[in-house]
Amino acid sequence: MASLNSTEQQRGISVSVQNLTKTYGKNKEVLAVDSVSFEVKKGELFGLIGPDGAGKTSIFRMLTTLLFPDSGSATVDGFDIVKDYRQIRNTVGYMPGRFSLYQDLTIAENLHFFATLFGTTVEENYHLIKDIYVQIEKFKTRRAGKLSGGMKQKLALCCALIHKPTVLFLDEPTTGVDPVSRKEFWEMLKRLKEQEISIVVSTPYMDEATMCDRIALIQGGKILSLDTPDNIIGAYPDTLFAVRSNNMYDLLRTLPQYENIKAHYAFGEFAHVSFKSGNASDLEKFLKQKGLSGIETKTVVPNIEDAFIKMLQS
């Protein structure tokens, strides 16, 4: 991992956490974060990418001072998450995974309330949210509980930005949101980057990883890889094939019987396959011998999801 100079480090995020345990029920502890280390530069769009239960939300809660690590340290804008929690809470914006605004207040009332909490006004920092707020302003008298998922998302982002944070934490902001709203949301984040706000976003959607400057692939509280999306994809070591047949269930059951298979897994309407040796033609012959029909094979370019699955299988 490249080190940051002192100026950059003061304006970004530095994390080195040995472990964080969470207690569930009587005497049952779960290691939620295990030896995680990364840095985020000022103005960077950084992604924590992984499935549910990977540790993303626990990391966010530490960096926003809602949880303290059992060991290790972390700083946000140069402030220690334990010693300087008050300063951090005043300088960061946090959008949790679950919509957490006041549902009985209107759009305008929610926005005014959160601005007041931080001793500012909507008018003072309107330039930060105008591109987002203009999309929901005509509904400003509607109660937040009556908004669609996409509109709730935009309102929550406005409230997280209204006090002009230096770092913005977005915990799975597009989960359960329609594809059009997801696309709009990421376009908004690209515009926010131009204002040199450091953005840390978590998501279980692998396709969103390519929209980040750098990403950390995380599973089981551990970081599997930390790099740019292009570099992670470029490091995929094998030639990858997509295979399908008229009966995908039988195909997935038959693939492990082929001795030259290195890895295989379902991927949409295909199965993705890599070989120890041999080639796609040999596999097609084998599958036909097993009674499968309508077999189609083609080479494909790996993506972030392929890279993630490869790391899990290693």
C-alpha atoms as a PDB file:
ATOM      1  CA  MET A   1       0.000   0.000   0.000  1.00  0.00           C
ATOM      2  CA  ALA A   2       1.404   3.380  -0.966  1.00  0.00           C
ATOM      3  CA  SER A   3       2.099   5.656   2.006  1.00  0.00           C
ATOM      4  CA  LEU A   4       0.627   9.143   2.187  1.00  0.00           C
ATOM      5  CA  ASN A   5       2.579  12.295   2.881  1.00  0.00           C
ATOM      6  CA  SER A   6       1.737  14.133   6.118  1.00  0.00           C
ATOM      7  CA  THR A   7      -0.516  16.713   4.468  1.00  0.00           C
ATOM      8  CA  GLU A   8      -2.607  14.125   2.664  1.00  0.00           C
ATOM      9  CA  GLN A   9      -2.865  11.953   5.745  1.00  0.00           C
ATOM     10  CA  GLN A  10      -4.267  14.806   7.791  1.00  0.00           C
ATOM     11  CA  ARG A  11      -7.008  15.312   5.230  1.00  0.00           C
ATOM     12  CA  GLY A  12      -7.959  11.709   4.542  1.00  0.00           C
ATOM     13  CA  ILE A  13      -8.525   8.457   6.436  1.00  0.00           C
ATOM     14  CA  SER A  14      -6.018   6.034   7.912  1.00  0.00           C
ATOM     15  CA  VAL A  15      -7.187   2.710   9.332  1.00  0.00           C
ATOM     16  CA  SER A  16      -5.218  -0.042  11.042  1.00  0.00           C
ATOM     17  CA  VAL A  17      -7.522  -2.261  13.089  1.00  0.00           C
ATOM     18  CA  GLN A  18      -6.336  -5.606  14.442  1.00  0.00           C
ATOM     19  CA  ASN A  19      -9.783  -6.771  15.495  1.00  0.00           C
ATOM     20  CA  LEU A  20     -13.266  -5.775  16.486  1.00  0.00           C
ATOM     21  CA  THR A  21     -15.521  -8.272  18.197  1.00  0.00           C
ATOM     22  CA  LYS A  22     -19.276  -7.960  18.469  1.00  0.00           C
ATOM     23  CA  THR A  23     -21.307  -9.727  21.133  1.00  0.00           C
ATOM     24  CA  TYR A  24     -24.604 -11.443  20.317  1.00  0.00           C
ATOM     25  CA  GLY A  25     -26.655 -12.989  23.092  1.00  0.00           C
ATOM     26  CA  LYS A  26     -24.967 -14.615  26.091  1.00  0.00           C
ATOM     27  CA  ASN A  27     -21.189 -14.883  25.802  1.00  0.00           C
ATOM     28  CA  LYS A  28     -21.290 -15.251  22.022  1.00  0.00           C
ATOM     29  CA  GLU A  29     -18.668 -13.108  20.341  1.00  0.00           C
ATOM     30  CA  VAL A  30     -18.128 -12.722  16.610  1.00  0.00           C
ATOM     31  CA  LEU A  31     -14.947 -11.337  15.062  1.00  0.00           C
ATOM     32  CA  ALA A  32     -16.456  -8.670  12.814  1.00  0.00           C
ATOM     33  CA  VAL A  33     -13.237  -6.997  11.633  1.00  0.00           C
ATOM     34  CA  ASP A  34      -9.930  -8.849  11.455  1.00  0.00           C
ATOM     35  CA  SER A  35      -6.618  -7.048  10.794  1.00  0.00           C
ATOM     36  CA  VAL A  36      -7.921  -4.430   8.381  1.00  0.00           C
ATOM     37  CA  SER A  37      -5.607  -1.693   7.116  1.00  0.00           C
ATOM     38  CA  PHE A  38      -6.213   0.914   4.419  1.00  0.00           C
ATOM     39  CA  GLU A  39      -5.936   4.615   3.650  1.00  0.00           C
ATOM     40  CA  VAL A  40      -8.201   6.985   1.745  1.00  0.00           C
ATOM     41  CA  LYS A  41      -6.829  10.127   0.142  1.00  0.00           C
ATOM     42  CA  LYS A  42      -8.483  13.501   0.182  1.00  0.00           C
ATOM     43  CA  GLY A  43     -11.031  13.717  -2.643  1.00  0.00           C
ATOM     44  CA  GLU A  44     -10.920   9.969  -3.359  1.00  0.00           C
ATOM     45  CA  LEU A  45     -13.960   7.785  -4.019  1.00  0.00           C
ATOM     46  CA  PHE A  46     -13.122   4.609  -2.137  1.00  0.00           C
ATOM     47  CA  GLY A  47     -15.278   1.470  -2.120  1.00  0.00           C
ATOM     48  CA  LEU A  48     -15.671  -1.308   0.438  1.00  0.00           C
ATOM     49  CA  ILE A  49     -17.021  -4.164  -1.661  1.00  0.00           C
ATOM     50  CA  GLY A  50     -18.385  -7.378  -0.203  1.00  0.00           C
ATOM     51  CA  PRO A  51     -21.479  -9.415   0.657  1.00  0.00           C
ATOM     52  CA  ASP A  52     -23.704  -9.010   3.705  1.00  0.00           C
ATOM     53  CA  GLY A  53     -21.833  -9.891   6.896  1.00  0.00           C
ATOM     54  CA  ALA A  54     -18.410  -9.103   5.426  1.00  0.00           C
ATOM     55  CA  GLY A  55     -17.657  -6.393   7.998  1.00  0.00           C
ATOM     56  CA  LYS A  56     -18.411  -3.256   5.967  1.00  0.00           C
ATOM     57  CA  THR A  57     -20.919  -1.701   8.363  1.00  0.00           C
ATOM     58  CA  SER A  58     -18.714  -2.455  11.386  1.00  0.00           C
ATOM     59  CA  ILE A  59     -15.852  -0.556   9.737  1.00  0.00           C
ATOM     60  CA  PHE A  60     -18.167   2.363   8.998  1.00  0.00           C
ATOM     61  CA  ARG A  61     -19.398   2.441  12.576  1.00  0.00           C
ATOM     62  CA  MET A  62     -15.828   2.573  13.840  1.00  0.00           C
ATOM     63  CA  LEU A  63     -14.857   5.395  11.502  1.00  0.00           C
ATOM     64  CA  THR A  64     -17.929   7.401  12.501  1.00  0.00           C
ATOM     65  CA  THR A  65     -17.136   6.755  16.228  1.00  0.00           C
ATOM     66  CA  LEU A  66     -20.200   4.599  16.917  1.00  0.00           C
ATOM     67  CA  LEU A  67     -17.998   1.589  17.763  1.00  0.00           C
ATOM     68  CA  PHE A  68     -14.488   1.386  19.180  1.00  0.00           C
ATOM     69  CA  PRO A  69     -12.040  -1.306  18.004  1.00  0.00           C
ATOM     70  CA  ASP A  70     -10.705  -3.848  20.499  1.00  0.00           C
ATOM     71  CA  SER A  71      -7.220  -3.098  19.207  1.00  0.00           C
ATOM     72  CA  GLY A  72      -5.609  -0.962  16.541  1.00  0.00           C
ATOM     73  CA  SER A  73      -6.207   2.637  15.570  1.00  0.00           C
ATOM     74  CA  ALA A  74      -7.834   4.825  12.958  1.00  0.00           C
ATOM     75  CA  THR A  75      -7.887   8.500  12.090  1.00  0.00           C
ATOM     76  CA  VAL A  76     -10.344  10.563  10.083  1.00  0.00           C
ATOM     77  CA  ASP A  77      -9.003  13.935   8.893  1.00  0.00           C
ATOM     78  CA  GLY A  78      -6.159  13.462  11.350  1.00  0.00           C
ATOM     79  CA  PHE A  79      -8.516  12.946  14.312  1.00  0.00           C
ATOM     80  CA  ASP A  80      -8.273   9.751  16.348  1.00  0.00           C
ATOM     81  CA  ILE A  81     -11.565   7.830  16.398  1.00  0.00           C
ATOM     82  CA  VAL A  82     -11.320   7.264  20.166  1.00  0.00           C
ATOM     83  CA  LYS A  83      -9.714  10.423  21.546  1.00  0.00           C
ATOM     84  CA  ASP A  84     -11.209  12.913  19.082  1.00  0.00           C
ATOM     85  CA  TYR A  85     -14.666  11.474  18.499  1.00  0.00           C
ATOM     86  CA  ARG A  86     -16.393  14.837  18.986  1.00  0.00           C
ATOM     87  CA  GLN A  87     -14.357  16.497  16.235  1.00  0.00           C
ATOM     88  CA  ILE A  88     -14.989  13.586  13.886  1.00  0.00           C
ATOM     89  CA  ARG A  89     -18.745  13.734  14.447  1.00  0.00           C
ATOM     90  CA  ASN A  90     -18.677  17.413  13.491  1.00  0.00           C
ATOM     91  CA  THR A  91     -16.645  16.925  10.329  1.00  0.00           C
ATOM     92  CA  VAL A  92     -18.081  13.790   8.677  1.00  0.00           C
ATOM     93  CA  GLY A  93     -21.332  12.994   6.915  1.00  0.00           C
ATOM     94  CA  TYR A  94     -22.889   9.560   7.415  1.00  0.00           C
ATOM     95  CA  MET A  95     -25.669   7.933   5.427  1.00  0.00           C
ATOM     96  CA  PRO A  96     -26.561   4.579   7.046  1.00  0.00           C
ATOM     97  CA  GLY A  97     -27.910   1.638   5.096  1.00  0.00           C
ATOM     98  CA  ARG A  98     -31.391   1.974   6.560  1.00  0.00           C
ATOM     99  CA  PHE A  99     -33.345   5.196   5.936  1.00  0.00           C
ATOM    100  CA  SER A 100     -33.085   6.945   9.294  1.00  0.00           C
ATOM    101  CA  LEU A 101     -34.587  10.411   8.799  1.00  0.00           C
ATOM    102  CA  TYR A 102     -37.752  11.583  10.526  1.00  0.00           C
ATOM    103  CA  GLN A 103     -40.557  10.061   8.498  1.00  0.00           C
ATOM    104  CA  ASP A 104     -43.227  12.386   9.911  1.00  0.00           C
ATOM    105  CA  LEU A 105     -41.277  15.494   8.839  1.00  0.00           C
ATOM    106  CA  THR A 106     -41.369  16.843   5.306  1.00  0.00           C
ATOM    107  CA  ILE A 107     -38.380  16.973   2.977  1.00  0.00           C
ATOM    108  CA  ALA A 108     -37.810  20.648   3.783  1.00  0.00           C
ATOM    109  CA  GLU A 109     -38.242  20.135   7.532  1.00  0.00           C
ATOM    110  CA  ASN A 110     -35.741  17.262   7.637  1.00  0.00           C
ATOM    111  CA  LEU A 111     -33.160  19.265   5.743  1.00  0.00           C
ATOM    112  CA  HIS A 112     -33.630  22.331   7.973  1.00  0.00           C
ATOM    113  CA  PHE A 113     -33.427  20.187  11.116  1.00  0.00           C
ATOM    114  CA  PHE A 114     -30.114  18.572  10.171  1.00  0.00           C
ATOM    115  CA  ALA A 115     -28.607  21.897   9.137  1.00  0.00           C
ATOM    116  CA  THR A 116     -29.602  23.373  12.501  1.00  0.00           C
ATOM    117  CA  LEU A 117     -28.006  20.455  14.386  1.00  0.00           C
ATOM    118  CA  PHE A 118     -24.635  21.465  12.968  1.00  0.00           C
ATOM    119  CA  GLY A 119     -25.122  25.203  13.501  1.00  0.00           C
ATOM    120  CA  THR A 120     -25.558  26.086   9.845  1.00  0.00           C
ATOM    121  CA  THR A 121     -28.400  26.862   7.454  1.00  0.00           C
ATOM    122  CA  VAL A 122     -29.680  25.300   4.256  1.00  0.00           C
ATOM    123  CA  GLU A 123     -28.980  28.543   2.402  1.00  0.00           C
ATOM    124  CA  GLU A 124     -25.338  28.677   3.550  1.00  0.00           C
ATOM    125  CA  ASN A 125     -24.426  25.308   2.041  1.00  0.00           C
ATOM    126  CA  TYR A 126     -27.090  25.030  -0.648  1.00  0.00           C
ATOM    127  CA  HIS A 127     -24.384  24.946  -3.327  1.00  0.00           C
ATOM    128  CA  LEU A 128     -23.340  21.509  -2.015  1.00  0.00           C
ATOM    129  CA  ILE A 129     -26.745  19.930  -2.525  1.00  0.00           C
ATOM    130  CA  LYS A 130     -28.399  21.965  -5.277  1.00  0.00           C
ATOM    131  CA  ASP A 131     -27.786  19.383  -8.043  1.00  0.00           C
ATOM    132  CA  ILE A 132     -29.417  16.721  -5.851  1.00  0.00           C
ATOM    133  CA  TYR A 133     -32.087  18.793  -4.110  1.00  0.00           C
ATOM    134  CA  VAL A 134     -33.472  20.218  -7.356  1.00  0.00           C
ATOM    135  CA  GLN A 135     -34.681  16.685  -8.183  1.00  0.00           C
ATOM    136  CA  ILE A 136     -36.875  16.507  -5.064  1.00  0.00           C
ATOM    137  CA  GLU A 137     -37.556  20.178  -4.327  1.00  0.00           C
ATOM    138  CA  LYS A 138     -41.014  20.160  -5.918  1.00  0.00           C
ATOM    139  CA  PHE A 139     -41.994  17.547  -3.298  1.00  0.00           C
ATOM    140  CA  LYS A 140     -40.494  19.486  -0.370  1.00  0.00           C
ATOM    141  CA  THR A 141     -43.822  19.560   1.528  1.00  0.00           C
ATOM    142  CA  ARG A 142     -44.245  15.773   1.299  1.00  0.00           C
ATOM    143  CA  ARG A 143     -43.484  13.748   4.418  1.00  0.00           C
ATOM    144  CA  ALA A 144     -40.330  11.643   4.209  1.00  0.00           C
ATOM    145  CA  GLY A 145     -42.249   8.456   5.038  1.00  0.00           C
ATOM    146  CA  LYS A 146     -44.293   8.875   1.846  1.00  0.00           C
ATOM    147  CA  LEU A 147     -41.290   9.138  -0.495  1.00  0.00           C
ATOM    148  CA  SER A 148     -40.151   6.496  -2.977  1.00  0.00           C
ATOM    149  CA  GLY A 149     -36.881   4.655  -2.378  1.00  0.00           C
ATOM    150  CA  GLY A 150     -34.955   6.833  -4.812  1.00  0.00           C
ATOM    151  CA  MET A 151     -36.307  10.060  -3.323  1.00  0.00           C
ATOM    152  CA  LYS A 152     -35.485   8.904   0.217  1.00  0.00           C
ATOM    153  CA  GLN A 153     -31.972   8.196  -0.973  1.00  0.00           C
ATOM    154  CA  LYS A 154     -31.570  11.712  -2.399  1.00  0.00           C
ATOM    155  CA  LEU A 155     -32.981  13.337   0.745  1.00  0.00           C
ATOM    156  CA  ALA A 156     -30.665  11.293   2.993  1.00  0.00           C
ATOM    157  CA  LEU A 157     -27.674  12.338   0.902  1.00  0.00           C
ATOM    158  CA  CYS A 158     -28.702  16.010   1.122  1.00  0.00           C
ATOM    159  CA  CYS A 159     -28.989  15.761   4.918  1.00  0.00           C
ATOM    160  CA  ALA A 160     -25.554  14.098   5.129  1.00  0.00           C
ATOM    161  CA  LEU A 161     -24.026  16.932   3.071  1.00  0.00           C
ATOM    162  CA  ILE A 162     -25.780  20.005   4.448  1.00  0.00           C
ATOM    163  CA  HIS A 163     -23.113  20.754   7.098  1.00  0.00           C
ATOM    164  CA  LYS A 164     -20.293  20.624   4.505  1.00  0.00           C
ATOM    165  CA  PRO A 165     -18.446  17.466   5.643  1.00  0.00           C
ATOM    166  CA  THR A 166     -14.859  16.748   4.656  1.00  0.00           C
ATOM    167  CA  VAL A 167     -15.517  12.991   4.559  1.00  0.00           C
ATOM    168  CA  LEU A 168     -18.741  11.295   3.474  1.00  0.00           C
ATOM    169  CA  PHE A 169     -19.576   7.725   4.556  1.00  0.00           C
ATOM    170  CA  LEU A 170     -22.297   5.959   2.561  1.00  0.00           C
ATOM    171  CA  ASP A 171     -23.247   2.518   3.849  1.00  0.00           C
ATOM    172  CA  GLU A 172     -24.885   0.459   1.074  1.00  0.00           C
ATOM    173  CA  PRO A 173     -26.730   3.531  -0.243  1.00  0.00           C
ATOM    174  CA  THR A 174     -28.219   1.841  -3.324  1.00  0.00           C
ATOM    175  CA  THR A 175     -29.518  -1.381  -1.757  1.00  0.00           C
ATOM    176  CA  GLY A 176     -33.157  -1.886  -2.729  1.00  0.00           C
ATOM    177  CA  VAL A 177     -33.157   1.078  -5.107  1.00  0.00           C
ATOM    178  CA  ASP A 178     -34.264   0.802  -8.748  1.00  0.00           C
ATOM    179  CA  PRO A 179     -31.582   0.692 -11.492  1.00  0.00           C
ATOM    180  CA  VAL A 180     -32.305   4.230 -12.756  1.00  0.00           C
ATOM    181  CA  SER A 181     -31.935   5.721  -9.265  1.00  0.00           C
ATOM    182  CA  ARG A 182     -28.741   3.708  -8.736  1.00  0.00           C
ATOM    183  CA  LYS A 183     -27.243   5.176 -11.894  1.00  0.00           C
ATOM    184  CA  GLU A 184     -28.292   8.706 -10.920  1.00  0.00           C
ATOM    185  CA  PHE A 185     -26.811   8.251  -7.448  1.00  0.00           C
ATOM    186  CA  TRP A 186     -23.365   7.325  -8.747  1.00  0.00           C
ATOM    187  CA  GLU A 187     -23.427  10.269 -11.127  1.00  0.00           C
ATOM    188  CA  MET A 188     -24.105  12.494  -8.112  1.00  0.00           C
ATOM    189  CA  LEU A 189     -21.101  11.014  -6.301  1.00  0.00           C
ATOM    190  CA  LYS A 190     -18.835  11.791  -9.248  1.00  0.00           C
ATOM    191  CA  ARG A 191     -19.931  15.428  -9.067  1.00  0.00           C
ATOM    192  CA  LEU A 192     -19.313  15.539  -5.311  1.00  0.00           C
ATOM    193  CA  LYS A 193     -15.750  14.321  -5.883  1.00  0.00           C
ATOM    194  CA  GLU A 194     -15.069  17.541  -7.772  1.00  0.00           C
ATOM    195  CA  GLN A 195     -15.572  19.408  -4.481  1.00  0.00           C
ATOM    196  CA  GLU A 196     -12.689  17.382  -2.966  1.00  0.00           C
ATOM    197  CA  ILE A 197     -14.901  15.550  -0.489  1.00  0.00           C
ATOM    198  CA  SER A 198     -13.451  12.166   0.444  1.00  0.00           C
ATOM    199  CA  ILE A 199     -16.174   9.556  -0.161  1.00  0.00           C
ATOM    200  CA  VAL A 200     -16.193   6.065   1.306  1.00  0.00           C
ATOM    201  CA  VAL A 201     -19.018   3.905   0.023  1.00  0.00           C
ATOM    202  CA  SER A 202     -19.872   0.280   0.805  1.00  0.00           C
ATOM    203  CA  THR A 203     -21.882  -1.922  -1.520  1.00  0.00           C
ATOM    204  CA  PRO A 204     -22.616  -5.610  -2.126  1.00  0.00           C
ATOM    205  CA  TYR A 205     -23.070  -4.875  -5.859  1.00  0.00           C
ATOM    206  CA  MET A 206     -19.908  -5.873  -7.702  1.00  0.00           C
ATOM    207  CA  ASP A 207     -20.815  -3.831 -10.789  1.00  0.00           C
ATOM    208  CA  GLU A 208     -20.617  -0.638  -8.696  1.00  0.00           C
ATOM    209  CA  ALA A 209     -16.983  -1.335  -7.825  1.00  0.00           C
ATOM    210  CA  THR A 210     -15.793  -0.083 -11.215  1.00  0.00           C
ATOM    211  CA  MET A 211     -17.178   3.377 -10.404  1.00  0.00           C
ATOM    212  CA  CYS A 212     -14.713   3.840  -7.527  1.00  0.00           C
ATOM    213  CA  ASP A 213     -11.138   5.124  -7.744  1.00  0.00           C
ATOM    214  CA  ARG A 214      -9.918   2.299  -5.531  1.00  0.00           C
ATOM    215  CA  ILE A 215     -11.663  -0.581  -3.803  1.00  0.00           C
ATOM    216  CA  ALA A 216     -11.126  -3.040  -0.990  1.00  0.00           C
ATOM    217  CA  LEU A 217     -12.692  -6.459  -1.552  1.00  0.00           C
ATOM    218  CA  ILE A 218     -13.722  -7.695   1.889  1.00  0.00           C
ATOM    219  CA  GLN A 219     -15.061 -10.978   3.249  1.00  0.00           C
ATOM    220  CA  GLY A 220     -15.193 -12.366   6.787  1.00  0.00           C
ATOM    221  CA  GLY A 221     -13.794  -9.145   8.222  1.00  0.00           C
ATOM    222  CA  LYS A 222     -10.610  -9.421   6.126  1.00  0.00           C
ATOM    223  CA  ILE A 223      -9.515  -7.439   3.087  1.00  0.00           C
ATOM    224  CA  LEU A 224      -8.820  -9.837   0.218  1.00  0.00           C
ATOM    225  CA  SER A 225      -7.494  -7.243  -2.210  1.00  0.00           C
ATOM    226  CA  LEU A 226      -6.931  -3.480  -2.239  1.00  0.00           C
ATOM    227  CA  ASP A 227      -6.269  -1.717  -5.547  1.00  0.00           C
ATOM    228  CA  THR A 228      -7.916   0.029  -8.464  1.00  0.00           C
ATOM    229  CA  PRO A 229     -10.724  -1.950 -10.131  1.00  0.00           C
ATOM    230  CA  ASP A 230      -8.714  -2.180 -13.370  1.00  0.00           C
ATOM    231  CA  ASN A 231      -5.657  -3.589 -11.584  1.00  0.00           C
ATOM    232  CA  ILE A 232      -7.705  -6.184  -9.700  1.00  0.00           C
ATOM    233  CA  ILE A 233      -9.384  -7.343 -12.898  1.00  0.00           C
ATOM    234  CA  GLY A 234      -6.061  -7.274 -14.780  1.00  0.00           C
ATOM    235  CA  ALA A 235      -4.514  -9.597 -12.198  1.00  0.00           C
ATOM    236  CA  TYR A 236      -7.031 -12.368 -12.923  1.00  0.00           C
ATOM    237  CA  PRO A 237      -4.693 -15.271 -13.780  1.00  0.00           C
ATOM    238  CA  ASP A 238      -6.777 -17.603 -15.963  1.00  0.00           C
ATOM    239  CA  THR A 239      -8.531 -17.659 -19.315  1.00  0.00           C
ATOM    240  CA  LEU A 240     -12.223 -17.568 -18.470  1.00  0.00           C
ATOM    241  CA  PHE A 241     -15.002 -19.314 -20.380  1.00  0.00           C
ATOM    242  CA  ALA A 242     -18.770 -18.978 -20.224  1.00  0.00           C
ATOM    243  CA  VAL A 243     -20.693 -22.225 -20.735  1.00  0.00           C
ATOM    244  CA  ARG A 244     -24.398 -22.970 -20.978  1.00  0.00           C
ATOM    245  CA  SER A 245     -26.707 -25.750 -22.116  1.00  0.00           C
ATOM    246  CA  ASN A 246     -30.420 -26.438 -22.450  1.00  0.00           C
ATOM    247  CA  ASN A 247     -30.467 -27.713 -18.876  1.00  0.00           C
ATOM    248  CA  MET A 248     -28.374 -25.497 -16.589  1.00  0.00           C
ATOM    249  CA  TYR A 249     -29.138 -27.551 -13.480  1.00  0.00           C
ATOM    250  CA  ASP A 250     -27.669 -30.687 -15.063  1.00  0.00           C
ATOM    251  CA  LEU A 251     -24.751 -28.645 -16.421  1.00  0.00           C
ATOM    252  CA  LEU A 252     -23.783 -27.374 -12.962  1.00  0.00           C
ATOM    253  CA  ARG A 253     -24.032 -30.900 -11.575  1.00  0.00           C
ATOM    254  CA  THR A 254     -21.903 -32.346 -14.393  1.00  0.00           C
ATOM    255  CA  LEU A 255     -19.070 -29.788 -14.516  1.00  0.00           C
ATOM    256  CA  PRO A 256     -17.304 -31.071 -11.351  1.00  0.00           C
ATOM    257  CA  GLN A 257     -16.998 -34.492 -12.999  1.00  0.00           C
ATOM    258  CA  TYR A 258     -14.699 -33.100 -15.716  1.00  0.00           C
ATOM    259  CA  GLU A 259     -11.168 -33.758 -14.432  1.00  0.00           C
ATOM    260  CA  ASN A 260      -9.591 -30.738 -16.156  1.00  0.00           C
ATOM    261  CA  ILE A 261     -11.923 -28.219 -14.512  1.00  0.00           C
ATOM    262  CA  LYS A 262     -10.022 -25.775 -12.308  1.00  0.00           C
ATOM    263  CA  ALA A 263     -12.997 -23.699 -11.126  1.00  0.00           C
ATOM    264  CA  HIS A 264     -16.655 -23.308 -12.014  1.00  0.00           C
ATOM    265  CA  TYR A 265     -19.637 -21.361 -10.691  1.00  0.00           C
ATOM    266  CA  ALA A 266     -23.014 -20.131 -11.838  1.00  0.00           C
ATOM    267  CA  PHE A 267     -22.953 -16.661 -13.386  1.00  0.00           C
ATOM    268  CA  GLY A 268     -26.305 -15.423 -14.662  1.00  0.00           C
ATOM    269  CA  GLU A 269     -27.518 -17.623 -17.507  1.00  0.00           C
ATOM    270  CA  PHE A 270     -24.051 -19.143 -17.917  1.00  0.00           C
ATOM    271  CA  ALA A 271     -21.529 -21.041 -15.832  1.00  0.00           C
ATOM    272  CA  HIS A 272     -18.057 -19.495 -15.703  1.00  0.00           C
ATOM    273  CA  VAL A 273     -15.265 -22.038 -16.062  1.00  0.00           C
ATOM    274  CA  SER A 274     -11.476 -22.134 -16.032  1.00  0.00           C
ATOM    275  CA  PHE A 275      -9.331 -25.164 -16.898  1.00  0.00           C
ATOM    276  CA  LYS A 276      -6.303 -26.877 -15.418  1.00  0.00           C
ATOM    277  CA  SER A 277      -5.553 -28.129 -18.934  1.00  0.00           C
ATOM    278  CA  GLY A 278      -7.482 -28.917 -22.080  1.00  0.00           C
ATOM    279  CA  ASN A 279      -9.841 -26.519 -23.793  1.00  0.00           C
ATOM    280  CA  ALA A 280     -13.476 -25.670 -24.415  1.00  0.00           C
ATOM    281  CA  SER A 281     -13.812 -28.188 -27.265  1.00  0.00           C
ATOM    282  CA  ASP A 282     -12.779 -31.043 -24.975  1.00  0.00           C
ATOM    283  CA  LEU A 283     -15.329 -29.887 -22.413  1.00  0.00           C
ATOM    284  CA  GLU A 284     -18.101 -29.763 -25.032  1.00  0.00           C
ATOM    285  CA  LYS A 285     -17.346 -33.352 -26.059  1.00  0.00           C
ATOM    286  CA  PHE A 286     -17.440 -34.460 -22.418  1.00  0.00           C
ATOM    287  CA  LEU A 287     -20.755 -32.735 -21.766  1.00  0.00           C
ATOM    288  CA  LYS A 288     -22.344 -34.278 -24.867  1.00  0.00           C
ATOM    289  CA  GLN A 289     -21.195 -37.699 -23.712  1.00  0.00           C
ATOM    290  CA  LYS A 290     -23.032 -37.003 -20.445  1.00  0.00           C
ATOM    291  CA  GLY A 291     -26.251 -36.371 -22.377  1.00  0.00           C
ATOM    292  CA  LEU A 292     -26.343 -32.559 -22.327  1.00  0.00           C
ATOM    293  CA  SER A 293     -27.483 -30.655 -25.415  1.00  0.00           C
ATOM    294  CA  GLY A 294     -27.579 -27.083 -26.692  1.00  0.00           C
ATOM    295  CA  ILE A 295     -24.063 -26.522 -25.387  1.00  0.00           C
ATOM    296  CA  GLU A 296     -22.492 -23.118 -26.011  1.00  0.00           C
ATOM    297  CA  THR A 297     -19.005 -22.031 -24.914  1.00  0.00           C
ATOM    298  CA  LYS A 298     -17.214 -18.718 -25.367  1.00  0.00           C
ATOM    299  CA  THR A 299     -14.301 -16.844 -23.845  1.00  0.00           C
ATOM    300  CA  VAL A 300     -15.248 -13.890 -21.634  1.00  0.00           C
ATOM    301  CA  VAL A 301     -13.401 -10.997 -20.027  1.00  0.00           C
ATOM    302  CA  PRO A 302     -13.284 -11.360 -16.217  1.00  0.00           C
ATOM    303  CA  ASN A 303     -14.926  -8.682 -14.092  1.00  0.00           C
ATOM    304  CA  ILE A 304     -14.760  -7.725 -10.406  1.00  0.00           C
ATOM    305  CA  GLU A 305     -17.180 -10.491  -9.414  1.00  0.00           C
ATOM    306  CA  ASP A 306     -15.015 -13.114 -11.134  1.00  0.00           C
ATOM    307  CA  ALA A 307     -11.943 -11.744  -9.339  1.00  0.00           C
ATOM    308  CA  PHE A 308     -13.771 -11.815  -5.992  1.00  0.00           C
ATOM    309  CA  ILE A 309     -14.942 -15.409  -6.448  1.00  0.00           C
ATOM    310  CA  LYS A 310     -11.417 -16.416  -7.492  1.00  0.00           C
ATOM    311  CA  MET A 311     -10.028 -15.002  -4.236  1.00  0.00           C
ATOM    312  CA  LEU A 312     -12.647 -16.833  -2.185  1.00  0.00           C
ATOM    313  CA  GLN A 313     -11.750 -20.131  -3.873  1.00  0.00           C
ATOM    314  CA  SER A 314      -7.988 -19.691  -3.463  1.00  0.00           C
END
